[in-house]
Amino acid sequence: MPSRILALFNLRPGVEAAEYEHWAKTVDLPTVNALPSIDTFEVFRITGKLGSADPAPYAYGEMIVINDMEVFAVDIATEKMQAVAAEFGRLAETVFLTTEPLD
């Protein structure tokens, strides 16, 4: 069964949404989706809290579906992925959550 990582994040002060979204579309999404360990990688703009007028605590979310965690560890250790991760860290303050399905 695939593993899933849920990432919730806000942009760092001074980072514009257009800058992050352009980078996500042109670098992050195609690079991560090309990894052998990835089934799907999606980025979402969070638009609000369901049933509430209060602002959402996060501006963006990601769902990463990983088909093999051992291969994923190798994939993310590459120089290319380390550069992508460093740029993401420059752009966003992120909480990465590991998940498992309910049986």
Protein backbone atom coordinates (compact mmCIF):
# COMPACT_ATOMS: atom_id res chain seq x y z
CA MET A 1 0.00 0.00 0.00
CA PRO A 2 1.38 3.45 -0.88
CA SER A 3 2.47 5.81 1.87
CA ARG A 4 1.23 9.38 1.91
CA ILE A 5 2.82 12.54 3.23
CA LEU A 6 0.61 15.55 3.82
CA ALA A 7 2.38 18.91 3.89
CA LEU A 8 0.69 22.07 5.14
CA PHE A 9 2.44 25.38 4.75
CA ASN A 10 2.50 29.14 4.56
CA LEU A 11 4.84 31.25 2.51
CA ARG A 12 7.69 32.92 4.33
CA PRO A 13 7.49 36.66 4.89
CA GLY A 14 8.38 38.51 1.71
CA VAL A 15 7.58 35.60 -0.62
CA GLU A 16 4.79 36.46 -3.04
CA ALA A 17 2.18 33.86 -4.01
CA ALA A 18 2.97 34.37 -7.71
CA GLU A 19 6.66 33.58 -7.10
CA TYR A 20 5.89 30.39 -5.18
CA GLU A 21 3.16 29.21 -7.56
CA HIS A 22 5.35 29.74 -10.64
CA TRP A 23 8.15 27.75 -8.98
CA ALA A 24 5.74 25.01 -7.91
CA LYS A 25 4.33 24.63 -11.44
CA THR A 26 7.65 24.80 -13.29
CA VAL A 27 10.08 23.10 -10.89
CA ASP A 28 8.53 21.34 -7.89
CA LEU A 29 5.60 19.51 -9.49
CA PRO A 30 7.41 18.19 -12.57
CA THR A 31 10.56 17.25 -10.64
CA VAL A 32 8.84 15.38 -7.82
CA ASN A 33 6.30 13.71 -10.11
CA ALA A 34 9.20 12.35 -12.21
CA LEU A 35 10.74 10.48 -9.26
CA PRO A 36 10.43 6.68 -9.50
CA SER A 37 9.13 6.49 -5.90
CA ILE A 38 6.21 8.86 -6.50
CA ASP A 39 2.76 7.77 -7.66
CA THR A 40 1.32 11.29 -7.46
CA PHE A 41 2.30 14.66 -6.09
CA GLU A 42 -0.25 17.46 -5.97
CA VAL A 43 -0.16 21.00 -4.62
CA PHE A 44 -3.33 22.77 -3.46
CA ARG A 45 -4.14 26.37 -2.67
CA ILE A 46 -6.22 26.32 0.53
CA THR A 47 -9.28 28.51 0.06
CA GLY A 48 -10.84 28.44 3.51
CA LYS A 49 -12.18 26.44 6.44
CA LEU A 50 -15.32 24.49 5.65
CA GLY A 51 -18.31 25.94 7.48
CA SER A 52 -16.40 28.91 8.88
CA ALA A 53 -15.60 32.47 7.92
CA ASP A 54 -12.35 32.25 9.92
CA PRO A 55 -9.18 32.19 7.84
CA ALA A 56 -7.49 28.84 7.32
CA PRO A 57 -4.28 28.34 9.31
CA TYR A 58 -2.40 27.34 6.14
CA ALA A 59 -2.30 28.83 2.65
CA TYR A 60 -1.19 25.68 0.78
CA GLY A 61 -1.16 21.92 1.05
CA GLU A 62 0.58 19.06 -0.71
CA MET A 63 -0.26 15.38 -0.96
CA ILE A 64 2.64 13.11 -1.84
CA VAL A 65 1.75 9.48 -2.63
CA ILE A 66 4.86 7.32 -2.33
CA ASN A 67 4.97 3.82 -3.78
CA ASP A 68 8.23 2.77 -2.05
CA MET A 69 9.66 4.55 1.00
CA GLU A 70 13.12 3.00 0.55
CA VAL A 71 13.32 4.28 -3.03
CA PHE A 72 11.91 7.63 -1.85
CA ALA A 73 14.80 7.95 0.61
CA VAL A 74 17.25 7.43 -2.26
CA ASP A 75 15.33 9.81 -4.55
CA ILE A 76 15.30 12.70 -2.10
CA ALA A 77 19.00 12.30 -1.30
CA THR A 78 20.03 13.27 -4.83
CA GLU A 79 21.71 16.60 -5.46
CA LYS A 80 18.80 17.71 -7.65
CA MET A 81 16.18 16.96 -4.99
CA GLN A 82 18.30 18.53 -2.26
CA ALA A 83 18.33 21.73 -4.34
CA VAL A 84 14.55 21.56 -4.80
CA ALA A 85 14.06 20.98 -1.07
CA ALA A 86 16.36 23.90 -0.21
CA GLU A 87 14.42 26.24 -2.49
CA PHE A 88 11.13 25.04 -1.01
CA GLY A 89 12.52 25.75 2.46
CA ARG A 90 13.45 29.27 1.34
CA LEU A 91 9.89 29.85 0.11
CA ALA A 92 7.75 28.17 2.74
CA GLU A 93 7.40 27.26 6.41
CA THR A 94 6.08 23.70 6.32
CA VAL A 95 4.69 20.98 8.55
CA PHE A 96 5.17 17.50 7.01
CA LEU A 97 2.77 14.86 8.32
CA THR A 98 3.13 11.14 7.76
CA THR A 99 -0.09 9.18 7.43
CA GLU A 100 -1.48 5.68 7.41
CA PRO A 101 -4.89 4.46 6.30
CA LEU A 102 -7.44 3.23 8.80
CA ASP A 103 -7.91 -0.50 8.40
